[in-house]
Amino acid sequence: MPTLDRQDNVFVLDLGDGENRFHPDWLATVNSALDEVEKAEGARALVTAATGKFYSNGLDLEWLLAHADQHQDYVTSVHGLLARMLSLPLVTVAALQGHTFAAGAMFSLAHDIRVMRADRGFWCLPEADINIPFTPGMSALIQGRLSPRAAHEAMVTARRYGGHDALTAGIVDHAVAEDSVRSTAVELAAAQAGKAGDTLGTIKSRMYAPVLAALRAKDNPLG
């Protein structure tokens, strides 16, 4: 399960050491950690990272199939997390040390900055291959954070991007060696910690107002 640590002005949220899928308990733990980060005072920034082969493999489809009656509530909770991360009143950095797929990739896009391992691991939106269309909110997030060309390729072809390819496409901001992913993310976050506060939150909320509205809309069907 996710754990939260603090290194001076940088909170580090480790998403876990498994596939880090969006199980309801996982979502609740992440939101609880974000509550703590938001309640903190003074200079601060956030890094999300993970341990092992995966950053996040996205939706917990096994749980969703077993709880079809909770489908809409689940989608709403996922959208809520994406919207919350996108509009947090502090700088956020995703440290992508492993595979970052589907809703996990969308979660990374909700961060301000992305650092990816250069030599191994993929960033991918596989929905076209697994026959699960993007919700309107998810589509808005992807298109709001990527260039039209990159969004089209990633969404339509389900391409798997390695670190250097993701950097070239503008999906990530830095591609570094495995042992530098988390430290680089923390360094980048620390340099921006002084910006935390209501002004930054307002800037983000206004910058991404259409995306946030789409994520928070009631009509966001999955499938």
C-alpha atoms as a PDB file:
ATOM      1  CA  MET A   1       0.000   0.000   0.000  1.00  0.00           C
ATOM      2  CA  PRO A   2       1.118   3.607  -0.507  1.00  0.00           C
ATOM      3  CA  THR A   3       3.280   5.257   2.143  1.00  0.00           C
ATOM      4  CA  LEU A   4       4.132   8.914   2.729  1.00  0.00           C
ATOM      5  CA  ASP A   5       7.520  10.231   3.816  1.00  0.00           C
ATOM      6  CA  ARG A   6       8.991  13.719   4.009  1.00  0.00           C
ATOM      7  CA  GLN A   7      12.449  14.900   3.019  1.00  0.00           C
ATOM      8  CA  ASP A   8      12.763  18.517   4.162  1.00  0.00           C
ATOM      9  CA  ASN A   9      10.250  20.414   1.995  1.00  0.00           C
ATOM     10  CA  VAL A  10       9.433  17.464  -0.256  1.00  0.00           C
ATOM     11  CA  PHE A  11       6.769  14.894   0.519  1.00  0.00           C
ATOM     12  CA  VAL A  12       7.463  11.548  -1.156  1.00  0.00           C
ATOM     13  CA  LEU A  13       4.450   9.343  -1.735  1.00  0.00           C
ATOM     14  CA  ASP A  14       5.527   5.800  -2.613  1.00  0.00           C
ATOM     15  CA  LEU A  15       2.613   4.154  -4.433  1.00  0.00           C
ATOM     16  CA  GLY A  16       3.705   0.633  -3.517  1.00  0.00           C
ATOM     17  CA  ASP A  17       5.798  -2.287  -4.717  1.00  0.00           C
ATOM     18  CA  GLY A  18       3.227  -4.214  -6.790  1.00  0.00           C
ATOM     19  CA  GLU A  19       1.210  -3.232  -9.844  1.00  0.00           C
ATOM     20  CA  ASN A  20      -0.249  -0.354  -7.828  1.00  0.00           C
ATOM     21  CA  ARG A  21      -3.655  -0.662  -9.433  1.00  0.00           C
ATOM     22  CA  PHE A  22      -6.426   1.678  -8.381  1.00  0.00           C
ATOM     23  CA  HIS A  23      -8.163  -0.580  -5.848  1.00  0.00           C
ATOM     24  CA  PRO A  24     -10.626   1.365  -3.666  1.00  0.00           C
ATOM     25  CA  ASP A  25      -8.387   0.857  -0.619  1.00  0.00           C
ATOM     26  CA  TRP A  26      -5.388   2.115  -2.605  1.00  0.00           C
ATOM     27  CA  LEU A  27      -7.355   5.175  -3.708  1.00  0.00           C
ATOM     28  CA  ALA A  28      -8.400   5.890  -0.121  1.00  0.00           C
ATOM     29  CA  THR A  29      -4.808   5.634   1.112  1.00  0.00           C
ATOM     30  CA  VAL A  30      -3.518   7.968  -1.603  1.00  0.00           C
ATOM     31  CA  ASN A  31      -6.228  10.511  -0.850  1.00  0.00           C
ATOM     32  CA  SER A  32      -5.428  10.330   2.858  1.00  0.00           C
ATOM     33  CA  ALA A  33      -1.777  11.055   2.063  1.00  0.00           C
ATOM     34  CA  LEU A  34      -2.781  14.000  -0.117  1.00  0.00           C
ATOM     35  CA  ASP A  35      -4.881  15.312   2.778  1.00  0.00           C
ATOM     36  CA  GLU A  36      -1.747  15.384   4.908  1.00  0.00           C
ATOM     37  CA  VAL A  37       0.261  17.130   2.193  1.00  0.00           C
ATOM     38  CA  GLU A  38      -2.425  19.758   1.663  1.00  0.00           C
ATOM     39  CA  LYS A  39      -2.807  20.448   5.381  1.00  0.00           C
ATOM     40  CA  ALA A  40       0.913  21.051   5.850  1.00  0.00           C
ATOM     41  CA  GLU A  41       2.039  24.649   6.028  1.00  0.00           C
ATOM     42  CA  GLY A  42       4.892  26.495   4.425  1.00  0.00           C
ATOM     43  CA  ALA A  43       7.095  25.516   1.509  1.00  0.00           C
ATOM     44  CA  ARG A  44       6.359  22.047   0.201  1.00  0.00           C
ATOM     45  CA  ALA A  45       6.177  19.960  -2.954  1.00  0.00           C
ATOM     46  CA  LEU A  46       5.190  16.393  -3.756  1.00  0.00           C
ATOM     47  CA  VAL A  47       6.927  13.497  -5.485  1.00  0.00           C
ATOM     48  CA  THR A  48       5.055  10.307  -6.284  1.00  0.00           C
ATOM     49  CA  ALA A  49       7.193   7.252  -6.908  1.00  0.00           C
ATOM     50  CA  ALA A  50       6.992   3.490  -6.612  1.00  0.00           C
ATOM     51  CA  THR A  51       9.196   0.516  -5.848  1.00  0.00           C
ATOM     52  CA  GLY A  52       9.762  -2.345  -8.242  1.00  0.00           C
ATOM     53  CA  LYS A  53       8.701  -3.095 -11.790  1.00  0.00           C
ATOM     54  CA  PHE A  54       5.637  -0.839 -11.931  1.00  0.00           C
ATOM     55  CA  TYR A  55       4.786   2.784 -11.260  1.00  0.00           C
ATOM     56  CA  SER A  56       1.102   1.972 -11.795  1.00  0.00           C
ATOM     57  CA  ASN A  57      -0.902  -0.322 -14.043  1.00  0.00           C
ATOM     58  CA  GLY A  58      -4.056   1.753 -13.642  1.00  0.00           C
ATOM     59  CA  LEU A  59      -7.599   0.612 -12.994  1.00  0.00           C
ATOM     60  CA  ASP A  60      -8.201  -2.509 -10.920  1.00  0.00           C
ATOM     61  CA  LEU A  61     -10.225  -4.291 -13.601  1.00  0.00           C
ATOM     62  CA  GLU A  62     -10.478  -7.506 -11.578  1.00  0.00           C
ATOM     63  CA  TRP A  63     -12.105  -5.645  -8.694  1.00  0.00           C
ATOM     64  CA  LEU A  64     -14.328  -3.720 -11.098  1.00  0.00           C
ATOM     65  CA  LEU A  65     -15.611  -6.888 -12.773  1.00  0.00           C
ATOM     66  CA  ALA A  66     -16.415  -8.356  -9.354  1.00  0.00           C
ATOM     67  CA  HIS A  67     -18.256  -5.202  -8.258  1.00  0.00           C
ATOM     68  CA  ALA A  68     -20.165  -4.177 -11.363  1.00  0.00           C
ATOM     69  CA  ASP A  69     -22.848  -2.565  -9.209  1.00  0.00           C
ATOM     70  CA  GLN A  70     -20.262  -0.036  -7.988  1.00  0.00           C
ATOM     71  CA  HIS A  71     -19.017   0.825 -11.466  1.00  0.00           C
ATOM     72  CA  GLN A  72     -20.054   4.472 -11.528  1.00  0.00           C
ATOM     73  CA  ASP A  73     -18.889   5.224  -7.984  1.00  0.00           C
ATOM     74  CA  TYR A  74     -15.529   3.684  -8.821  1.00  0.00           C
ATOM     75  CA  VAL A  75     -15.089   5.728 -11.997  1.00  0.00           C
ATOM     76  CA  THR A  76     -16.076   8.855 -10.088  1.00  0.00           C
ATOM     77  CA  SER A  77     -13.449   8.153  -7.434  1.00  0.00           C
ATOM     78  CA  VAL A  78     -10.738   7.658 -10.066  1.00  0.00           C
ATOM     79  CA  HIS A  79     -11.697  10.881 -11.809  1.00  0.00           C
ATOM     80  CA  GLY A  80     -11.704  12.617  -8.454  1.00  0.00           C
ATOM     81  CA  LEU A  81      -8.109  11.584  -7.813  1.00  0.00           C
ATOM     82  CA  LEU A  82      -6.990  12.714 -11.280  1.00  0.00           C
ATOM     83  CA  ALA A  83      -8.697  16.082 -10.819  1.00  0.00           C
ATOM     84  CA  ARG A  84      -7.249  16.497  -7.353  1.00  0.00           C
ATOM     85  CA  MET A  85      -3.700  15.800  -8.476  1.00  0.00           C
ATOM     86  CA  LEU A  86      -4.042  18.129 -11.465  1.00  0.00           C
ATOM     87  CA  SER A  87      -5.141  21.026  -9.254  1.00  0.00           C
ATOM     88  CA  LEU A  88      -3.053  20.516  -6.098  1.00  0.00           C
ATOM     89  CA  PRO A  89      -1.799  23.884  -4.783  1.00  0.00           C
ATOM     90  CA  LEU A  90       1.834  22.780  -4.892  1.00  0.00           C
ATOM     91  CA  VAL A  91       4.268  21.494  -7.486  1.00  0.00           C
ATOM     92  CA  THR A  92       4.017  17.752  -8.146  1.00  0.00           C
ATOM     93  CA  VAL A  93       6.602  15.482  -9.765  1.00  0.00           C
ATOM     94  CA  ALA A  94       6.019  11.891 -10.911  1.00  0.00           C
ATOM     95  CA  ALA A  95       9.079   9.617 -10.686  1.00  0.00           C
ATOM     96  CA  LEU A  96       8.382   6.858 -13.213  1.00  0.00           C
ATOM     97  CA  GLN A  97      10.817   4.077 -12.357  1.00  0.00           C
ATOM     98  CA  GLY A  98       8.756   1.339 -14.007  1.00  0.00           C
ATOM     99  CA  HIS A  99       5.813   0.545 -16.254  1.00  0.00           C
ATOM    100  CA  THR A 100       3.225   3.327 -16.336  1.00  0.00           C
ATOM    101  CA  PHE A 101       0.070   2.140 -18.073  1.00  0.00           C
ATOM    102  CA  ALA A 102      -3.541   3.197 -18.688  1.00  0.00           C
ATOM    103  CA  ALA A 103      -4.981   5.155 -15.742  1.00  0.00           C
ATOM    104  CA  GLY A 104      -1.516   5.033 -14.187  1.00  0.00           C
ATOM    105  CA  ALA A 105      -0.234   6.940 -17.210  1.00  0.00           C
ATOM    106  CA  MET A 106      -3.117   9.400 -16.870  1.00  0.00           C
ATOM    107  CA  PHE A 107      -2.250   9.820 -13.190  1.00  0.00           C
ATOM    108  CA  SER A 108       1.297  10.716 -14.227  1.00  0.00           C
ATOM    109  CA  LEU A 109      -0.069  13.312 -16.659  1.00  0.00           C
ATOM    110  CA  ALA A 110      -1.924  14.974 -13.789  1.00  0.00           C
ATOM    111  CA  HIS A 111       1.467  15.869 -12.284  1.00  0.00           C
ATOM    112  CA  ASP A 112       3.323  19.057 -13.176  1.00  0.00           C
ATOM    113  CA  ILE A 113       6.592  17.313 -14.039  1.00  0.00           C
ATOM    114  CA  ARG A 114       7.479  13.743 -15.036  1.00  0.00           C
ATOM    115  CA  VAL A 115      10.850  12.011 -14.689  1.00  0.00           C
ATOM    116  CA  MET A 116      11.173   8.592 -16.370  1.00  0.00           C
ATOM    117  CA  ARG A 117      13.742   5.852 -16.314  1.00  0.00           C
ATOM    118  CA  ALA A 118      15.580   5.968 -19.627  1.00  0.00           C
ATOM    119  CA  ASP A 119      16.634   2.377 -20.193  1.00  0.00           C
ATOM    120  CA  ARG A 120      13.663   0.184 -19.225  1.00  0.00           C
ATOM    121  CA  GLY A 121       9.932   0.433 -18.617  1.00  0.00           C
ATOM    122  CA  PHE A 122       7.137   1.760 -20.786  1.00  0.00           C
ATOM    123  CA  TRP A 123       4.578   4.569 -20.655  1.00  0.00           C
ATOM    124  CA  CYS A 124       1.443   3.460 -22.496  1.00  0.00           C
ATOM    125  CA  LEU A 125      -2.254   4.125 -22.993  1.00  0.00           C
ATOM    126  CA  PRO A 126      -3.403   0.626 -24.093  1.00  0.00           C
ATOM    127  CA  GLU A 127      -7.143   1.314 -24.202  1.00  0.00           C
ATOM    128  CA  ALA A 128      -7.432   0.843 -27.982  1.00  0.00           C
ATOM    129  CA  ASP A 129      -5.890  -2.629 -27.615  1.00  0.00           C
ATOM    130  CA  ILE A 130      -7.949  -3.739 -24.601  1.00  0.00           C
ATOM    131  CA  ASN A 131     -11.247  -2.368 -25.933  1.00  0.00           C
ATOM    132  CA  ILE A 132     -11.929   0.116 -23.144  1.00  0.00           C
ATOM    133  CA  PRO A 133     -12.670   3.604 -24.489  1.00  0.00           C
ATOM    134  CA  PHE A 134     -11.463   6.652 -22.629  1.00  0.00           C
ATOM    135  CA  THR A 135     -14.093   8.466 -20.624  1.00  0.00           C
ATOM    136  CA  PRO A 136     -14.721  12.089 -21.633  1.00  0.00           C
ATOM    137  CA  GLY A 137     -12.821  13.192 -18.538  1.00  0.00           C
ATOM    138  CA  MET A 138      -9.844  10.979 -19.290  1.00  0.00           C
ATOM    139  CA  SER A 139      -9.768  12.164 -22.899  1.00  0.00           C
ATOM    140  CA  ALA A 140      -9.811  15.778 -21.727  1.00  0.00           C
ATOM    141  CA  LEU A 141      -6.923  15.159 -19.316  1.00  0.00           C
ATOM    142  CA  ILE A 142      -4.729  13.468 -21.915  1.00  0.00           C
ATOM    143  CA  GLN A 143      -5.433  16.090 -24.569  1.00  0.00           C
ATOM    144  CA  GLY A 144      -4.977  18.886 -22.056  1.00  0.00           C
ATOM    145  CA  ARG A 145      -1.518  17.710 -21.024  1.00  0.00           C
ATOM    146  CA  LEU A 146      -0.050  16.449 -24.316  1.00  0.00           C
ATOM    147  CA  SER A 147       0.447  18.011 -27.716  1.00  0.00           C
ATOM    148  CA  PRO A 148      -2.263  17.113 -30.258  1.00  0.00           C
ATOM    149  CA  ARG A 149       0.172  14.891 -32.152  1.00  0.00           C
ATOM    150  CA  ALA A 150       1.374  13.026 -29.060  1.00  0.00           C
ATOM    151  CA  ALA A 151      -2.150  12.625 -27.685  1.00  0.00           C
ATOM    152  CA  HIS A 152      -3.419  11.252 -30.998  1.00  0.00           C
ATOM    153  CA  GLU A 153      -0.607   8.737 -31.335  1.00  0.00           C
ATOM    154  CA  ALA A 154      -0.752   7.601 -27.717  1.00  0.00           C
ATOM    155  CA  MET A 155      -4.550   7.246 -27.651  1.00  0.00           C
ATOM    156  CA  VAL A 156      -5.142   5.777 -31.128  1.00  0.00           C
ATOM    157  CA  THR A 157      -2.143   3.470 -31.562  1.00  0.00           C
ATOM    158  CA  ALA A 158      -1.567   2.407 -27.935  1.00  0.00           C
ATOM    159  CA  ARG A 159       2.151   2.867 -28.536  1.00  0.00           C
ATOM    160  CA  ARG A 160       4.516   1.826 -25.780  1.00  0.00           C
ATOM    161  CA  TYR A 161       7.009   4.620 -25.184  1.00  0.00           C
ATOM    162  CA  GLY A 162      10.401   3.973 -23.645  1.00  0.00           C
ATOM    163  CA  GLY A 163      12.040   6.766 -21.704  1.00  0.00           C
ATOM    164  CA  HIS A 164      13.843   8.466 -24.585  1.00  0.00           C
ATOM    165  CA  ASP A 165      10.820   8.174 -26.898  1.00  0.00           C
ATOM    166  CA  ALA A 166       8.550   9.576 -24.201  1.00  0.00           C
ATOM    167  CA  LEU A 167      10.921  12.507 -23.768  1.00  0.00           C
ATOM    168  CA  THR A 168      10.985  13.178 -27.508  1.00  0.00           C
ATOM    169  CA  ALA A 169       7.175  13.085 -27.636  1.00  0.00           C
ATOM    170  CA  GLY A 170       6.889  15.515 -24.726  1.00  0.00           C
ATOM    171  CA  ILE A 171       5.175  12.941 -22.512  1.00  0.00           C
ATOM    172  CA  VAL A 172       7.892  13.218 -19.877  1.00  0.00           C
ATOM    173  CA  ASP A 173      10.236  16.076 -19.040  1.00  0.00           C
ATOM    174  CA  HIS A 174      13.348  14.095 -18.123  1.00  0.00           C
ATOM    175  CA  ALA A 175      14.716  10.632 -18.962  1.00  0.00           C
ATOM    176  CA  VAL A 176      17.465   9.562 -16.570  1.00  0.00           C
ATOM    177  CA  ALA A 177      19.316   6.502 -15.296  1.00  0.00           C
ATOM    178  CA  GLU A 178      17.418   4.105 -13.042  1.00  0.00           C
ATOM    179  CA  ASP A 179      19.287   5.108  -9.889  1.00  0.00           C
ATOM    180  CA  SER A 180      18.615   8.804 -10.554  1.00  0.00           C
ATOM    181  CA  VAL A 181      14.853   8.765 -11.141  1.00  0.00           C
ATOM    182  CA  ARG A 182      13.691   9.408  -7.596  1.00  0.00           C
ATOM    183  CA  SER A 183      16.576  11.686  -6.599  1.00  0.00           C
ATOM    184  CA  THR A 184      16.088  13.807  -9.735  1.00  0.00           C
ATOM    185  CA  ALA A 185      12.374  14.098  -8.993  1.00  0.00           C
ATOM    186  CA  VAL A 186      13.053  15.147  -5.400  1.00  0.00           C
ATOM    187  CA  GLU A 187      15.608  17.712  -6.570  1.00  0.00           C
ATOM    188  CA  LEU A 188      13.166  19.192  -9.085  1.00  0.00           C
ATOM    189  CA  ALA A 189      10.390  19.280  -6.510  1.00  0.00           C
ATOM    190  CA  ALA A 190      12.581  20.915  -3.861  1.00  0.00           C
ATOM    191  CA  ALA A 191      13.470  23.731  -6.266  1.00  0.00           C
ATOM    192  CA  GLN A 192       9.762  24.561  -6.633  1.00  0.00           C
ATOM    193  CA  ALA A 193       8.631  24.058  -3.025  1.00  0.00           C
ATOM    194  CA  GLY A 194       8.363  27.779  -2.327  1.00  0.00           C
ATOM    195  CA  LYS A 195       5.509  28.123  -4.811  1.00  0.00           C
ATOM    196  CA  ALA A 196       3.029  26.124  -2.729  1.00  0.00           C
ATOM    197  CA  GLY A 197      -0.113  27.998  -1.774  1.00  0.00           C
ATOM    198  CA  ASP A 198      -3.466  29.345  -2.870  1.00  0.00           C
ATOM    199  CA  THR A 199      -2.057  31.340  -5.786  1.00  0.00           C
ATOM    200  CA  LEU A 200      -0.599  28.256  -7.435  1.00  0.00           C
ATOM    201  CA  GLY A 201      -3.838  26.374  -6.803  1.00  0.00           C
ATOM    202  CA  THR A 202      -5.805  29.135  -8.501  1.00  0.00           C
ATOM    203  CA  ILE A 203      -3.412  29.204 -11.453  1.00  0.00           C
ATOM    204  CA  LYS A 204      -3.803  25.452 -11.989  1.00  0.00           C
ATOM    205  CA  SER A 205      -7.565  25.499 -11.539  1.00  0.00           C
ATOM    206  CA  ARG A 206      -7.979  28.252 -14.114  1.00  0.00           C
ATOM    207  CA  MET A 207      -5.408  26.792 -16.515  1.00  0.00           C
ATOM    208  CA  TYR A 208      -7.146  23.423 -16.559  1.00  0.00           C
ATOM    209  CA  ALA A 209     -10.729  24.522 -15.915  1.00  0.00           C
ATOM    210  CA  PRO A 210     -12.180  22.606 -18.932  1.00  0.00           C
ATOM    211  CA  VAL A 211     -10.292  19.429 -17.980  1.00  0.00           C
ATOM    212  CA  LEU A 212     -11.383  19.656 -14.354  1.00  0.00           C
ATOM    213  CA  ALA A 213     -14.982  20.239 -15.402  1.00  0.00           C
ATOM    214  CA  ALA A 214     -14.857  17.153 -17.640  1.00  0.00           C
ATOM    215  CA  LEU A 215     -13.349  14.993 -14.885  1.00  0.00           C
ATOM    216  CA  ARG A 216     -15.930  16.164 -12.348  1.00  0.00           C
ATOM    217  CA  ALA A 217     -18.922  15.791 -14.663  1.00  0.00           C
ATOM    218  CA  LYS A 218     -21.502  13.185 -13.674  1.00  0.00           C
ATOM    219  CA  ASP A 219     -21.690  11.734 -17.177  1.00  0.00           C
ATOM    220  CA  ASN A 220     -18.358   9.950 -17.529  1.00  0.00           C
ATOM    221  CA  PRO A 221     -19.094   6.433 -18.792  1.00  0.00           C
ATOM    222  CA  LEU A 222     -16.364   3.798 -18.892  1.00  0.00           C
ATOM    223  CA  GLY A 223     -17.076   1.466 -21.751  1.00  0.00           C
END
